[in-house]
């Protein structure tokens, strides 16, 4: 009975995470002071911000990819239609879009550009359960090929896509271990998933080989794949037993070469490489620098939630959220290869609306700029938000950012809330344009103490159309 009780407790914990449509993990411990300027002292500069899609009811947005002067934004419309936007990289102007539904449930998670084609991955429920969806499009958004991959009769999803220049590697999870639960396999609290990776031909999207790994009777998922630029080995990072981390190194044939288990709390790990083959693993609050031999060289902790990470020309760039002055700020952080913060830029300093970045999906980058997308919630809808940030300071090229009007008043909710529930000032009104004002229905937040020095911070956004619950886990500051 104790084992069953423990499993149910863990299942309830993960169920909270699963049902959150929007979530963010915050560390409530100041490590570095953050600037609130739109032009940082060392070169980070907000170029433009766009809100949308105005032509379609918005949903969540997960990834950006860039090719030449075009940025591709990957997301969905209320989880029912997969949506891809093409925007001008210099101005943010919408150039074209693609939208399609597969069944009644379609979400797009990540993207990759290879040999002048755009590859996009996500999920749909066309067969009655969640299945993998892999799309191949031209750069002008013409669908070339699609692949629906259904490794189990339960819920399956891919979260990440990478390439070594010859093949595609798509990773996520499948729920085939669920069959072990017999007659209660459909009770979603009792979830058992395993790592699942496939190697694909980029020409016709055929599956060449698959690799699975099931280390526990709990939640095991791949969240990030990258290819070492020096030796071409495939590195995959994921969760084991819900919140432990693991890195595996595979060869081109998907045979395991080596692995590294991380016993600390790890959620949605992200992995990238520098030019000499060292990898960088981002967890919720930290970055680990790891040698090609899977030795941890250095670890550094930050006061932001790291939702996305990428590497370019000697530096790491992080996109996340920081809690400062009783509000949540979207931030870009520039980090050296020794994990020291070099520069920061707050993205939403002109308004009080916080954009939530998804933990899966890429952040696009070039030698001069990065592009990151997230979403905020209003009374009527989700709104996509796409930021363009200059990453290299060019003398005499400082520009005024192009920003759609989005302002919020300073007042906060006056709801009467009994102890121990804490009231946190949050944005109340979002002006999407001069003719339309939506009210954010965020009456209160709940702070619930849990073990291991953390608290759960829950924000409820309730409308007539839907209820969105935002979960934040904060570390208590040490005295």
Protein backbone atom coordinates (compact mmCIF):
# COMPACT_ATOMS: atom_id res chain seq x y z
CA UNK A 1 0.00 0.00 0.00
CA UNK A 2 2.87 2.37 0.82
CA UNK A 3 4.30 1.78 -2.68
CA UNK A 4 0.92 2.48 -4.29
CA UNK A 5 0.48 5.60 -2.15
CA UNK A 6 3.93 6.85 -3.13
CA UNK A 7 3.20 6.22 -6.80
CA UNK A 8 -0.12 8.05 -6.56
CA UNK A 9 1.55 11.02 -4.88
CA UNK A 10 4.16 11.19 -7.62
CA UNK A 11 1.47 10.74 -10.24
CA UNK A 12 -0.58 13.59 -8.80
CA UNK A 13 2.50 15.80 -8.87
CA UNK A 14 3.16 15.09 -12.52
CA UNK A 15 -0.53 15.39 -13.34
CA UNK A 16 -0.38 19.00 -12.20
CA UNK A 17 2.49 19.56 -14.57
CA UNK A 18 0.73 17.86 -17.45
CA UNK A 19 -2.52 19.81 -17.19
CA UNK A 20 -0.75 23.15 -17.10
CA UNK A 21 -1.21 24.79 -20.45
CA UNK A 22 1.25 27.45 -19.45
CA UNK A 23 3.92 27.00 -16.83
CA UNK A 24 7.24 28.40 -15.69
CA UNK A 25 9.74 27.39 -13.03
CA UNK A 26 11.27 30.22 -11.04
CA UNK A 27 14.21 30.44 -8.68
CA UNK A 28 13.55 33.04 -5.98
CA UNK A 29 17.18 33.78 -5.20
CA UNK A 30 18.96 36.82 -6.58
CA UNK A 31 22.32 36.01 -8.13
CA UNK A 32 22.75 38.85 -10.61
CA UNK A 33 21.06 42.24 -10.88
CA UNK A 34 19.08 42.54 -14.12
CA UNK A 35 18.92 45.63 -16.29
CA UNK A 36 15.51 46.87 -17.45
CA UNK A 37 16.77 48.76 -20.47
CA UNK A 38 15.78 47.92 -24.02
CA UNK A 39 19.38 48.47 -25.11
CA UNK A 40 21.91 46.81 -22.85
CA UNK A 41 25.34 48.19 -22.15
CA UNK A 42 27.14 45.50 -24.11
CA UNK A 43 25.12 45.10 -27.27
CA UNK A 44 21.84 43.23 -26.69
CA UNK A 45 19.14 45.34 -28.29
CA UNK A 46 15.43 44.82 -28.85
CA UNK A 47 14.81 45.20 -32.59
CA UNK A 48 11.09 44.48 -32.91
CA UNK A 49 8.14 42.82 -31.22
CA UNK A 50 5.12 41.40 -33.02
CA UNK A 51 1.81 40.14 -31.62
CA UNK A 52 -0.40 37.73 -33.46
CA UNK A 53 -1.49 35.91 -35.37
CA UNK A 54 -4.13 38.50 -36.19
CA UNK A 55 -5.49 36.41 -39.06
CA UNK A 56 -6.20 33.35 -36.91
CA UNK A 57 -7.28 32.57 -33.32
CA UNK A 58 -4.00 32.10 -31.50
CA UNK A 59 -2.88 29.29 -29.24
CA UNK A 60 0.54 28.36 -27.93
CA UNK A 61 3.83 28.94 -29.73
CA UNK A 62 6.89 26.77 -29.24
CA UNK A 63 9.73 27.39 -31.68
CA UNK A 64 11.41 29.67 -34.17
CA UNK A 65 13.72 28.82 -37.07
CA UNK A 66 15.48 31.22 -39.43
CA UNK A 67 16.69 30.99 -43.03
CA UNK A 68 18.14 34.04 -44.76
CA UNK A 69 15.80 36.95 -44.13
CA UNK A 70 12.83 34.82 -43.07
CA UNK A 71 11.87 33.75 -39.56
CA UNK A 72 9.49 30.81 -39.12
CA UNK A 73 7.27 30.72 -36.04
CA UNK A 74 5.87 27.34 -35.01
CA UNK A 75 2.73 26.87 -32.91
CA UNK A 76 -0.97 26.12 -32.92
CA UNK A 77 -4.43 27.61 -32.78
CA UNK A 78 -6.12 26.53 -29.56
CA UNK A 79 -4.44 23.11 -29.83
CA UNK A 80 -6.64 22.17 -32.80
CA UNK A 81 -4.74 23.51 -35.83
CA UNK A 82 -1.00 23.43 -36.47
CA UNK A 83 0.21 26.88 -37.53
CA UNK A 84 3.44 28.08 -39.16
CA UNK A 85 4.14 31.74 -39.85
CA UNK A 86 6.84 33.17 -42.13
CA UNK A 87 7.94 36.67 -41.10
CA UNK A 88 10.50 39.14 -42.36
CA UNK A 89 13.54 38.85 -40.11
CA UNK A 90 14.31 42.57 -40.33
CA UNK A 91 10.86 43.99 -39.60
CA UNK A 92 8.70 41.14 -38.30
CA UNK A 93 6.18 41.67 -41.10
CA UNK A 94 4.01 38.62 -41.80
CA UNK A 95 4.92 37.20 -45.21
CA UNK A 96 2.91 33.99 -45.35
CA UNK A 97 1.37 31.29 -43.18
CA UNK A 98 0.47 27.61 -43.25
CA UNK A 99 -2.26 25.98 -41.15
CA UNK A 100 -3.66 22.46 -41.07
CA UNK A 101 -5.47 20.18 -38.63
CA UNK A 102 -4.96 16.45 -38.28
CA UNK A 103 -7.93 15.20 -36.30
CA UNK A 104 -9.33 17.46 -33.60
CA UNK A 105 -6.02 18.04 -31.81
CA UNK A 106 -2.82 19.31 -33.45
CA UNK A 107 0.20 20.99 -31.81
CA UNK A 108 3.55 21.81 -33.43
CA UNK A 109 6.60 21.75 -31.13
CA UNK A 110 9.90 22.19 -32.95
CA UNK A 111 11.49 22.93 -36.31
CA UNK A 112 14.69 22.51 -38.31
CA UNK A 113 15.93 23.87 -41.62
CA UNK A 114 18.00 21.51 -43.77
CA UNK A 115 18.92 21.82 -47.44
CA UNK A 116 16.34 24.55 -48.13
CA UNK A 117 13.48 22.65 -46.51
CA UNK A 118 11.63 23.34 -43.29
CA UNK A 119 11.00 20.30 -41.08
CA UNK A 120 8.41 20.62 -38.32
CA UNK A 121 7.38 18.11 -35.65
CA UNK A 122 4.36 17.90 -33.38
CA UNK A 123 1.42 15.74 -32.40
CA UNK A 124 -2.12 15.03 -33.58
CA UNK A 125 -4.93 12.71 -32.50
CA UNK A 126 -5.99 11.52 -35.94
CA UNK A 127 -5.98 7.79 -34.98
CA UNK A 128 -7.71 8.44 -31.65
CA UNK A 129 -4.56 8.78 -29.54
CA UNK A 130 -1.66 11.23 -29.63
CA UNK A 131 0.73 10.32 -32.42
CA UNK A 132 3.93 11.85 -33.80
CA UNK A 133 3.56 14.25 -36.73
CA UNK A 134 6.55 15.11 -38.94
CA UNK A 135 6.16 17.64 -41.77
CA UNK A 136 8.42 18.66 -44.64
CA UNK A 137 7.76 22.03 -46.30
CA UNK A 138 9.47 24.28 -48.79
CA UNK A 139 10.72 27.61 -47.47
CA UNK A 140 7.67 29.27 -49.04
CA UNK A 141 5.48 26.96 -46.90
CA UNK A 142 4.35 24.44 -49.49
CA UNK A 143 3.80 21.01 -47.93
CA UNK A 144 6.06 18.42 -49.56
CA UNK A 145 5.61 15.38 -47.33
CA UNK A 146 4.09 14.35 -44.02
CA UNK A 147 4.69 11.39 -41.75
CA UNK A 148 2.42 10.22 -38.94
CA UNK A 149 4.21 7.87 -36.59
CA UNK A 150 2.27 6.02 -33.89
CA UNK A 151 4.58 3.90 -31.70
CA UNK A 152 1.92 2.98 -29.12
CA UNK A 153 -1.89 2.97 -28.81
CA UNK A 154 -1.68 5.56 -26.01
CA UNK A 155 -0.23 9.09 -25.78
CA UNK A 156 3.02 9.64 -27.73
CA UNK A 157 4.82 12.88 -28.62
CA UNK A 158 8.05 14.15 -30.21
CA UNK A 159 9.64 17.24 -28.67
CA UNK A 160 12.91 17.80 -30.50
CA UNK A 161 14.47 17.46 -33.96
CA UNK A 162 18.12 17.64 -35.06
CA UNK A 163 20.27 16.65 -38.02
CA UNK A 164 23.84 15.66 -38.78
CA UNK A 165 23.46 16.91 -42.35
CA UNK A 166 22.52 13.47 -43.67
CA UNK A 167 19.67 12.25 -41.50
CA UNK A 168 16.97 13.60 -39.25
CA UNK A 169 16.82 12.61 -35.59
CA UNK A 170 13.49 13.08 -33.83
CA UNK A 171 13.09 12.41 -30.12
CA UNK A 172 10.34 12.35 -27.55
CA UNK A 173 8.46 9.56 -25.85
CA UNK A 174 5.95 6.79 -26.30
CA UNK A 175 3.58 5.22 -23.79
CA UNK A 176 3.93 1.58 -24.74
CA UNK A 177 4.92 0.62 -21.14
CA UNK A 178 1.40 1.67 -20.12
CA UNK A 179 0.16 -1.81 -21.02
CA UNK A 180 1.77 -3.07 -17.81
CA UNK A 181 -1.06 -1.42 -15.86
CA UNK A 182 -3.62 -3.75 -17.42
CA UNK A 183 -7.24 -2.76 -16.85
CA UNK A 184 -6.36 0.66 -15.43
CA UNK A 185 -4.12 1.65 -18.33
CA UNK A 186 -6.46 4.47 -19.31
CA UNK A 187 -6.28 6.21 -15.91
CA UNK A 188 -3.99 9.09 -16.74
CA UNK A 189 -2.56 9.39 -13.22
CA UNK A 190 -0.73 6.13 -13.81
CA UNK A 191 1.49 7.26 -16.66
CA UNK A 192 4.53 5.24 -17.70
CA UNK A 193 6.45 6.54 -20.70
CA UNK A 194 9.79 5.71 -22.25
CA UNK A 195 12.41 7.48 -24.35
CA UNK A 196 11.86 7.14 -28.07
CA UNK A 197 14.21 8.30 -30.83
CA UNK A 198 13.91 7.75 -34.57
CA UNK A 199 16.39 8.22 -37.41
CA UNK A 200 14.71 9.43 -40.60
CA UNK A 201 15.49 9.94 -44.27
CA UNK A 202 14.99 13.69 -44.90
CA UNK A 203 13.92 13.03 -48.49
CA UNK A 204 10.79 10.96 -47.95
CA UNK A 205 10.52 11.01 -44.13
CA UNK A 206 10.84 7.23 -43.92
CA UNK A 207 11.92 5.82 -40.56
CA UNK A 208 15.29 4.11 -40.87
CA UNK A 209 15.78 3.00 -37.27
CA UNK A 210 14.36 3.59 -33.80
CA UNK A 211 15.82 3.55 -30.29
CA UNK A 212 13.92 3.21 -27.00
CA UNK A 213 14.97 3.37 -23.36
CA UNK A 214 12.72 2.73 -20.36
CA UNK A 215 14.69 3.31 -17.15
CA UNK A 216 11.77 3.61 -14.72
CA UNK A 217 8.07 2.92 -14.19
CA UNK A 218 7.40 6.63 -14.28
CA UNK A 219 7.79 9.56 -16.69
CA UNK A 220 10.81 9.13 -18.99
CA UNK A 221 11.05 11.53 -21.96
CA UNK A 222 13.60 12.92 -24.41
CA UNK A 223 13.54 16.71 -24.50
CA UNK A 224 16.62 17.68 -26.50
CA UNK A 225 18.82 16.27 -29.26
CA UNK A 226 21.98 17.78 -30.69
CA UNK A 227 24.89 16.55 -32.79
CA UNK A 228 28.50 17.08 -31.70
CA UNK A 229 30.11 19.18 -34.47
CA UNK A 230 33.49 17.54 -33.95
CA UNK A 231 32.75 13.80 -34.14
CA UNK A 232 29.13 13.68 -35.33
CA UNK A 233 27.93 11.73 -32.29
CA UNK A 234 24.30 12.17 -31.28
CA UNK A 235 23.66 13.53 -27.80
CA UNK A 236 20.21 13.19 -26.29
CA UNK A 237 19.05 14.69 -23.00
CA UNK A 238 15.89 13.83 -21.15
CA UNK A 239 14.11 13.08 -17.91
CA UNK A 240 14.24 9.83 -15.97
CA UNK A 241 11.75 8.90 -13.24
CA UNK A 242 9.92 12.20 -13.65
CA UNK A 243 12.57 14.75 -12.66
CA UNK A 244 16.04 13.19 -12.79
CA UNK A 245 18.23 13.93 -15.77
CA UNK A 246 20.21 11.75 -18.15
CA UNK A 247 22.46 12.32 -21.15
CA UNK A 248 23.16 9.58 -23.67
CA UNK A 249 25.67 9.58 -26.51
CA UNK A 250 24.78 7.48 -29.56
CA UNK A 251 26.48 6.74 -32.84
CA UNK A 252 24.88 7.16 -36.27
CA UNK A 253 23.30 3.71 -35.97
CA UNK A 254 21.66 4.70 -32.67
CA UNK A 255 23.90 2.40 -30.65
CA UNK A 256 24.64 3.58 -27.11
CA UNK A 257 28.24 4.71 -26.59
CA UNK A 258 28.13 6.29 -23.13
CA UNK A 259 25.76 7.96 -20.67
CA UNK A 260 25.68 10.30 -17.70
CA UNK A 261 23.00 10.24 -14.99
CA UNK A 262 22.16 13.45 -13.15
CA UNK A 263 20.59 12.76 -9.79
CA UNK A 264 19.63 16.38 -9.12
CA UNK A 265 16.28 17.93 -10.04
CA UNK A 266 16.20 18.28 -13.83
CA UNK A 267 13.17 19.35 -15.84
CA UNK A 268 13.09 19.89 -19.60
CA UNK A 269 16.86 19.69 -20.16
CA UNK A 270 18.24 21.48 -23.22
CA UNK A 271 21.61 20.69 -24.81
CA UNK A 272 23.86 22.58 -27.21
CA UNK A 273 27.53 22.56 -28.33
CA UNK A 274 30.37 24.98 -28.87
CA UNK A 275 32.88 24.84 -31.73
CA UNK A 276 35.28 22.46 -29.98
CA UNK A 277 32.78 19.82 -28.93
CA UNK A 278 31.99 20.83 -25.35
CA UNK A 279 28.30 20.56 -24.52
CA UNK A 280 26.14 22.79 -22.35
CA UNK A 281 23.10 21.37 -20.56
CA UNK A 282 20.47 23.79 -19.28
CA UNK A 283 18.22 22.67 -16.44
CA UNK A 284 15.59 24.74 -14.67
CA UNK A 285 18.01 26.94 -12.74
CA UNK A 286 21.48 26.04 -13.96
CA UNK A 287 23.86 25.26 -16.81
CA UNK A 288 26.36 22.42 -16.81
CA UNK A 289 29.44 22.54 -19.03
CA UNK A 290 30.31 18.98 -20.06
CA UNK A 291 33.40 17.64 -21.82
CA UNK A 292 33.20 15.34 -24.87
CA UNK A 293 34.02 12.50 -22.42
CA UNK A 294 30.85 13.28 -20.41
CA UNK A 295 32.70 14.85 -17.50
CA UNK A 296 31.04 17.82 -15.80
CA UNK A 297 33.58 20.64 -16.06
CA UNK A 298 31.61 23.44 -14.44
CA UNK A 299 28.15 24.27 -13.11
CA UNK A 300 26.62 27.67 -12.56
CA UNK A 301 23.25 28.69 -11.11
CA UNK A 302 21.12 31.63 -12.18
CA UNK A 303 18.15 33.56 -10.87
CA UNK A 304 16.06 32.98 -13.97
CA UNK A 305 13.97 30.15 -15.31
CA UNK A 306 15.84 28.90 -18.38
CA UNK A 307 13.20 28.06 -20.98
CA UNK A 308 15.39 28.12 -24.08
CA UNK A 309 19.10 28.05 -24.84
CA UNK A 310 21.25 28.35 -27.93
CA UNK A 311 24.92 28.92 -28.79
CA UNK A 312 26.52 31.27 -31.29
CA UNK A 313 30.04 32.50 -31.92
CA UNK A 314 31.49 31.90 -28.48
CA UNK A 315 28.46 32.68 -26.33
CA UNK A 316 25.38 31.02 -24.89
CA UNK A 317 22.06 32.84 -25.08
CA UNK A 318 19.29 32.06 -22.61
CA UNK A 319 15.62 33.00 -22.84
CA UNK A 320 13.56 32.82 -19.69
CA UNK A 321 11.66 34.57 -16.94
CA UNK A 322 12.90 36.33 -13.83
CA UNK A 323 10.90 37.46 -10.81
CA UNK A 324 11.78 41.07 -9.98
CA UNK A 325 9.88 43.82 -8.19
CA UNK A 326 6.75 41.65 -7.76
CA UNK A 327 6.41 40.91 -11.45
CA UNK A 328 7.63 38.41 -13.98
CA UNK A 329 10.05 39.74 -16.57
CA UNK A 330 10.98 38.13 -19.87
CA UNK A 331 14.73 38.23 -20.28
CA UNK A 332 17.54 37.35 -22.67
CA UNK A 333 20.87 36.57 -21.01
CA UNK A 334 24.24 36.37 -22.74
CA UNK A 335 26.63 33.92 -21.06
CA UNK A 336 30.30 33.16 -21.70
CA UNK A 337 31.56 29.64 -22.33
CA UNK A 338 32.74 29.71 -18.71
CA UNK A 339 29.09 30.19 -17.68
CA UNK A 340 29.49 33.77 -16.46
CA UNK A 341 26.77 36.30 -17.26
CA UNK A 342 28.04 38.95 -19.65
CA UNK A 343 24.87 40.82 -20.54
CA UNK A 344 21.10 40.88 -19.94
CA UNK A 345 18.12 42.44 -21.68
CA UNK A 346 14.58 42.63 -20.29
CA UNK A 347 12.15 42.25 -23.18
CA UNK A 348 8.87 43.42 -21.66
CA UNK A 349 9.98 46.60 -19.90
CA UNK A 350 7.40 48.69 -21.78
CA UNK A 351 4.45 46.79 -20.34
CA UNK A 352 3.45 44.59 -17.43
CA UNK A 353 2.39 41.60 -19.51
CA UNK A 354 4.48 38.48 -19.09
CA UNK A 355 5.06 36.20 -22.04
CA UNK A 356 5.47 32.51 -21.26
CA UNK A 357 8.15 30.71 -23.24
CA UNK A 358 7.61 26.99 -23.83
CA UNK A 359 10.34 24.68 -22.57
CA UNK A 360 10.36 22.68 -25.79
CA UNK A 361 11.19 24.13 -29.17
CA UNK A 362 14.17 26.04 -30.53
CA UNK A 363 15.16 29.68 -30.34
CA UNK A 364 16.50 30.77 -33.75
CA UNK A 365 19.79 32.64 -34.00
CA UNK A 366 22.04 34.20 -36.63
CA UNK A 367 25.36 35.99 -36.27
CA UNK A 368 23.53 39.27 -35.66
CA UNK A 369 20.16 38.48 -34.08
CA UNK A 370 18.10 35.92 -32.21
CA UNK A 371 14.38 35.29 -32.48
CA UNK A 372 12.25 33.88 -29.67
CA UNK A 373 8.50 33.45 -29.39
CA UNK A 374 6.06 32.87 -26.54
CA UNK A 375 2.46 33.59 -25.66
CA UNK A 376 0.38 35.51 -23.17
CA UNK A 377 -3.24 34.95 -22.19
CA UNK A 378 -6.03 37.51 -22.34
CA UNK A 379 -9.72 37.18 -21.50
CA UNK A 380 -10.59 36.09 -25.02
CA UNK A 381 -7.53 34.35 -26.37
CA UNK A 382 -3.88 33.49 -26.28
CA UNK A 383 -1.65 35.98 -28.07
CA UNK A 384 1.57 35.02 -29.79
CA UNK A 385 4.52 37.29 -29.06
CA UNK A 386 7.64 37.22 -31.24
CA UNK A 387 10.79 39.08 -30.21
CA UNK A 388 13.82 39.96 -32.37
CA UNK A 389 16.99 40.86 -30.45
CA UNK A 390 20.27 42.14 -31.85
CA UNK A 391 23.12 40.18 -30.30
CA UNK A 392 26.12 42.01 -31.77
CA UNK A 393 26.57 45.70 -31.01
CA UNK A 394 27.36 47.61 -34.20
CA UNK A 395 28.40 51.22 -33.66
CA UNK A 396 25.88 53.85 -34.77
CA UNK A 397 23.24 51.21 -35.50
CA UNK A 398 21.06 51.59 -32.41
CA UNK A 399 17.42 51.65 -33.52
CA UNK A 400 14.06 52.31 -31.94
CA UNK A 401 12.33 48.95 -31.49
CA UNK A 402 9.20 48.30 -33.53
CA UNK A 403 6.60 47.41 -30.89
CA UNK A 404 2.88 46.83 -31.21
CA UNK A 405 0.95 48.81 -28.58
CA UNK A 406 0.63 46.65 -25.47
CA UNK A 407 0.24 48.46 -22.16
CA UNK A 408 -1.08 47.64 -18.70
CA UNK A 409 -2.13 49.86 -15.80
CA UNK A 410 -0.42 49.61 -12.44
CA UNK A 411 -3.43 48.55 -10.38
CA UNK A 412 -3.70 45.02 -9.06
CA UNK A 413 -6.53 42.78 -7.99
CA UNK A 414 -8.30 43.71 -4.78
CA UNK A 415 -9.64 40.25 -4.14
CA UNK A 416 -9.89 39.37 -0.47
CA UNK A 417 -7.73 36.32 0.09
CA UNK A 418 -7.32 34.60 3.45
CA UNK A 419 -3.97 33.51 4.88
CA UNK A 420 -1.86 31.56 3.90
CA UNK A 421 -2.71 32.46 0.32
CA UNK A 422 -0.46 35.30 -0.88
CA UNK A 423 -1.52 38.03 -3.30
CA UNK A 424 1.05 38.88 -5.95
CA UNK A 425 0.57 41.95 -8.19
CA UNK A 426 -0.03 40.74 -11.75
CA UNK A 427 -1.05 42.45 -15.01
CA UNK A 428 -4.78 43.07 -15.28
CA UNK A 429 -5.40 44.68 -18.66
CA UNK A 430 -3.84 44.16 -22.08
CA UNK A 431 -4.45 46.64 -24.89
CA UNK A 432 -3.92 44.69 -28.09
CA UNK A 433 -4.49 47.73 -30.26
CA UNK A 434 -6.07 51.15 -29.96
CA UNK A 435 -9.57 49.82 -30.60
CA UNK A 436 -9.61 46.69 -28.44
CA UNK A 437 -8.97 46.12 -24.75
CA UNK A 438 -9.00 42.70 -23.10
CA UNK A 439 -8.90 42.10 -19.37
CA UNK A 440 -6.65 39.45 -17.93
CA UNK A 441 -8.79 37.56 -15.42
CA UNK A 442 -6.08 36.74 -12.87
CA UNK A 443 -7.83 37.28 -9.53
CA UNK A 444 -5.24 35.73 -7.29
CA UNK A 445 -2.33 33.38 -6.90
CA UNK A 446 -1.87 30.52 -4.46
CA UNK A 447 1.39 29.77 -2.69
CA UNK A 448 1.53 26.28 -1.24
CA UNK A 449 4.62 25.09 0.69
CA UNK A 450 6.03 21.71 -0.30
CA UNK A 451 9.08 19.75 0.76
CA UNK A 452 12.75 20.15 -0.22
CA UNK A 453 12.66 23.92 0.18
CA UNK A 454 10.28 24.65 -2.67
CA UNK A 455 6.82 26.19 -2.91
CA UNK A 456 4.17 25.80 -5.58
CA UNK A 457 2.91 29.08 -7.03
CA UNK A 458 -0.37 28.72 -8.94
CA UNK A 459 -2.01 31.40 -11.07
CA UNK A 460 -5.53 30.75 -12.35
CA UNK A 461 -6.82 32.50 -15.47
CA UNK A 462 -10.53 31.72 -15.85
CA UNK A 463 -12.70 32.86 -18.75
CA UNK A 464 -16.00 31.79 -20.21
CA UNK A 465 -14.10 29.92 -22.90
CA UNK A 466 -11.42 28.18 -20.89
CA UNK A 467 -9.45 27.98 -17.68
CA UNK A 468 -5.68 28.26 -17.80
CA UNK A 469 -3.63 27.27 -14.77
CA UNK A 470 -0.04 28.48 -14.58
CA UNK A 471 2.24 26.54 -12.26
CA UNK A 472 5.41 28.03 -10.87
CA UNK A 473 7.79 26.24 -8.54
CA UNK A 474 10.00 28.57 -6.53
CA UNK A 475 12.95 27.82 -4.34
CA UNK A 476 12.72 29.39 -0.90
CA UNK A 477 15.50 31.89 -0.27
CA UNK A 478 17.97 30.68 2.31
CA UNK A 479 18.48 32.72 5.45
